[in-house]
Amino acid sequence: MVEGAATRFPAKGQLAVIRPYRKNLLGGGEEKVRFDIFNEGTHVYVESSYAFASTDLAGELHRQHGYRVRFNDDPQYPQILEIVEEVPIPKPLALPRSTPE
């Protein structure tokens, strides 16, 4: 699990491995998808971001699953264009809870 608010994904036409955790229907056949980005080299979740996707494509992205996806090349309006494949990813570790003193 990545701490902090999701930020706009800096789309540059790249592929990335994501773990979706929330979707919001925006209307007009589009959804805002929030996800954690998984680094396959270090096997850690590195960032929490959001991008937009068609309702049909968003319907194929299931919470807590890993996907290799292709993004558009507009960092001001990031879009998930394609699901390349589903990939196995580890469950995120829960953040430690603070105890009241």
Foldseek 3Di string as FASTA:
>chain_A
DDDDDAAQDQAAFDKFKWAWADWDDDDPQKIKTWTFTADPVVQAGDGIHIAMEGNVVVVVRDHRWIFTFTWDRDSVHIYTDGTPDTDDHDGHDDDDDDDDD
